[in-house]
């Protein structure tokens, strides 16, 4: 798994709208891995980030959710939950592998990475989904990465 100080890996993937997204890491970036769309914990976590998304945007932080679900599953999940940030499809587990996120079968484990200036600034393993979006935003503010 990537550690703090490592270079963030190049990532190109398809989002829920069928668009190719390339992570450039020009802005502080949150990449969070979650197991499955439309499951209780993953829904709680996604809604936690969505609830804070305006503050992330105002602070100049990009947010990406990644799972091994396909584009159609992401589209349905985003539509049902009203998610406005990108969900990246990783059906082959290539993004998870690039970050060193373990898979259980074909499902990503719950990990979050914060990238600042192209480097991994923070790694969160096996996070609790409830309130993760808010807690992470507050920690970024405490660390001086963002100003709220």
Protein backbone atom coordinates (compact mmCIF):
# COMPACT_ATOMS: atom_id res chain seq x y z
CA UNK A 1 0.00 0.00 0.00
CA UNK A 2 1.15 3.53 -0.71
CA UNK A 3 2.43 5.47 2.27
CA UNK A 4 2.68 9.11 3.17
CA UNK A 5 5.29 10.79 0.97
CA UNK A 6 4.89 8.38 -1.96
CA UNK A 7 4.06 9.75 -5.40
CA UNK A 8 0.38 9.46 -6.24
CA UNK A 9 -0.13 7.01 -9.11
CA UNK A 10 -1.42 8.10 -12.50
CA UNK A 11 -5.12 7.29 -12.73
CA UNK A 12 -7.45 7.33 -15.69
CA UNK A 13 -10.91 5.83 -15.31
CA UNK A 14 -14.51 6.19 -16.40
CA UNK A 15 -16.92 8.01 -14.11
CA UNK A 16 -20.64 7.44 -13.59
CA UNK A 17 -21.43 9.64 -16.61
CA UNK A 18 -19.28 7.54 -18.95
CA UNK A 19 -16.62 10.26 -19.13
CA UNK A 20 -12.92 9.50 -18.95
CA UNK A 21 -11.40 11.17 -15.89
CA UNK A 22 -7.67 11.67 -15.43
CA UNK A 23 -6.52 12.55 -11.95
CA UNK A 24 -3.95 15.31 -12.23
CA UNK A 25 -3.50 16.05 -8.54
CA UNK A 26 -3.13 19.77 -9.31
CA UNK A 27 -5.41 20.44 -6.35
CA UNK A 28 -5.57 18.60 -3.04
CA UNK A 29 -7.38 15.37 -3.84
CA UNK A 30 -9.28 12.78 -1.82
CA UNK A 31 -9.47 9.30 -3.32
CA UNK A 32 -11.64 7.02 -1.24
CA UNK A 33 -12.12 3.33 -1.94
CA UNK A 34 -15.34 1.62 -0.91
CA UNK A 35 -16.65 -1.93 -1.35
CA UNK A 36 -19.96 -1.69 -3.26
CA UNK A 37 -22.56 0.72 -4.55
CA UNK A 38 -25.94 0.72 -2.83
CA UNK A 39 -24.83 -1.10 0.30
CA UNK A 40 -25.56 0.41 3.72
CA UNK A 41 -22.04 1.44 4.76
CA UNK A 42 -21.06 2.65 1.30
CA UNK A 43 -24.24 4.71 1.04
CA UNK A 44 -23.53 6.30 4.43
CA UNK A 45 -19.96 7.12 3.39
CA UNK A 46 -20.94 8.54 0.00
CA UNK A 47 -23.62 10.69 1.58
CA UNK A 48 -21.09 11.85 4.18
CA UNK A 49 -18.87 13.19 1.38
CA UNK A 50 -21.84 14.61 -0.53
CA UNK A 51 -23.07 16.48 2.55
CA UNK A 52 -19.69 18.25 2.76
CA UNK A 53 -19.04 18.47 -0.98
CA UNK A 54 -19.72 22.21 -1.27
CA UNK A 55 -17.11 22.82 1.43
CA UNK A 56 -14.62 20.53 -0.32
CA UNK A 57 -15.19 22.43 -3.57
CA UNK A 58 -14.91 25.83 -1.87
CA UNK A 59 -11.62 24.68 -0.31
CA UNK A 60 -10.32 23.54 -3.70
CA UNK A 61 -10.31 19.82 -2.88
CA UNK A 62 -11.31 17.22 -5.47
CA UNK A 63 -13.16 14.12 -4.23
CA UNK A 64 -13.28 10.77 -6.03
CA UNK A 65 -14.99 7.59 -4.89
CA UNK A 66 -13.61 4.34 -6.32
CA UNK A 67 -15.03 0.83 -6.26
CA UNK A 68 -14.84 -2.21 -8.46
CA UNK A 69 -18.43 -1.65 -9.58
CA UNK A 70 -19.01 -0.81 -13.24
CA UNK A 71 -20.11 2.49 -14.78
CA UNK A 72 -23.80 1.56 -14.88
CA UNK A 73 -23.81 0.63 -11.18
CA UNK A 74 -22.09 3.94 -10.37
CA UNK A 75 -24.63 5.84 -12.49
CA UNK A 76 -27.56 4.25 -10.66
CA UNK A 77 -25.93 4.83 -7.25
CA UNK A 78 -25.09 8.47 -8.01
CA UNK A 79 -28.60 9.12 -9.34
CA UNK A 80 -30.33 7.44 -6.40
CA UNK A 81 -28.20 9.26 -3.83
CA UNK A 82 -27.86 12.60 -5.63
CA UNK A 83 -24.06 12.39 -5.67
CA UNK A 84 -22.32 15.21 -7.49
CA UNK A 85 -18.68 14.07 -7.22
CA UNK A 86 -17.08 11.51 -9.52
CA UNK A 87 -17.37 7.81 -8.84
CA UNK A 88 -14.65 5.99 -10.74
CA UNK A 89 -15.27 2.51 -12.10
CA UNK A 90 -12.45 0.06 -11.35
CA UNK A 91 -13.91 -3.32 -12.38
CA UNK A 92 -10.49 -4.87 -12.97
CA UNK A 93 -9.04 -3.49 -9.71
CA UNK A 94 -6.30 -1.54 -11.50
CA UNK A 95 -6.76 1.65 -9.48
CA UNK A 96 -6.89 -0.31 -6.24
CA UNK A 97 -3.68 -2.08 -7.25
CA UNK A 98 -1.98 1.23 -8.11
CA UNK A 99 -2.74 2.53 -4.60
CA UNK A 100 -2.00 -0.84 -3.00
CA UNK A 101 -5.55 -1.21 -1.68
CA UNK A 102 -6.26 -4.84 -0.83
CA UNK A 103 -9.19 -6.56 -2.50
CA UNK A 104 -11.34 -9.12 -0.75
CA UNK A 105 -12.29 -11.28 -3.68
CA UNK A 106 -13.14 -8.64 -6.25
CA UNK A 107 -14.19 -5.98 -3.73
CA UNK A 108 -12.00 -3.06 -2.60
CA UNK A 109 -11.49 -2.54 1.09
CA UNK A 110 -12.38 0.79 2.65
CA UNK A 111 -9.33 3.08 2.42
CA UNK A 112 -8.90 6.81 1.84
CA UNK A 113 -5.93 8.69 0.46
CA UNK A 114 -5.29 12.42 0.53
CA UNK A 115 -2.98 13.69 -2.19
CA UNK A 116 -1.30 17.09 -1.93
CA UNK A 117 1.16 18.36 -4.55
CA UNK A 118 1.20 14.94 -6.21
CA UNK A 119 2.27 13.12 -3.04
CA UNK A 120 0.31 10.95 -0.65
CA UNK A 121 -0.24 13.21 2.36
CA UNK A 122 -2.52 10.96 4.42
CA UNK A 123 -3.66 7.35 4.39
CA UNK A 124 -6.72 6.10 6.27
CA UNK A 125 -7.19 2.34 6.53
CA UNK A 126 -10.46 0.56 7.22
CA UNK A 127 -12.29 3.79 7.96
CA UNK A 128 -15.70 4.04 9.55
CA UNK A 129 -18.09 5.35 6.90
CA UNK A 130 -20.29 7.37 9.25
CA UNK A 131 -19.10 10.99 9.27
CA UNK A 132 -15.91 10.21 7.34
CA UNK A 133 -16.47 13.07 4.87
CA UNK A 134 -16.81 15.66 7.66
CA UNK A 135 -14.04 14.23 9.84
CA UNK A 136 -11.61 14.23 6.92
CA UNK A 137 -12.48 17.80 5.97
CA UNK A 138 -11.86 18.96 9.55
CA UNK A 139 -8.52 17.14 9.66
CA UNK A 140 -7.46 18.76 6.39
CA UNK A 141 -8.26 22.14 7.91
CA UNK A 142 -6.33 21.32 11.10
CA UNK A 143 -3.34 20.27 8.98
CA UNK A 144 -3.48 23.56 7.06
CA UNK A 145 -4.21 21.81 3.75
CA UNK A 146 -7.49 23.71 3.38
CA UNK A 147 -9.06 26.77 4.89
CA UNK A 148 -12.68 26.50 5.96
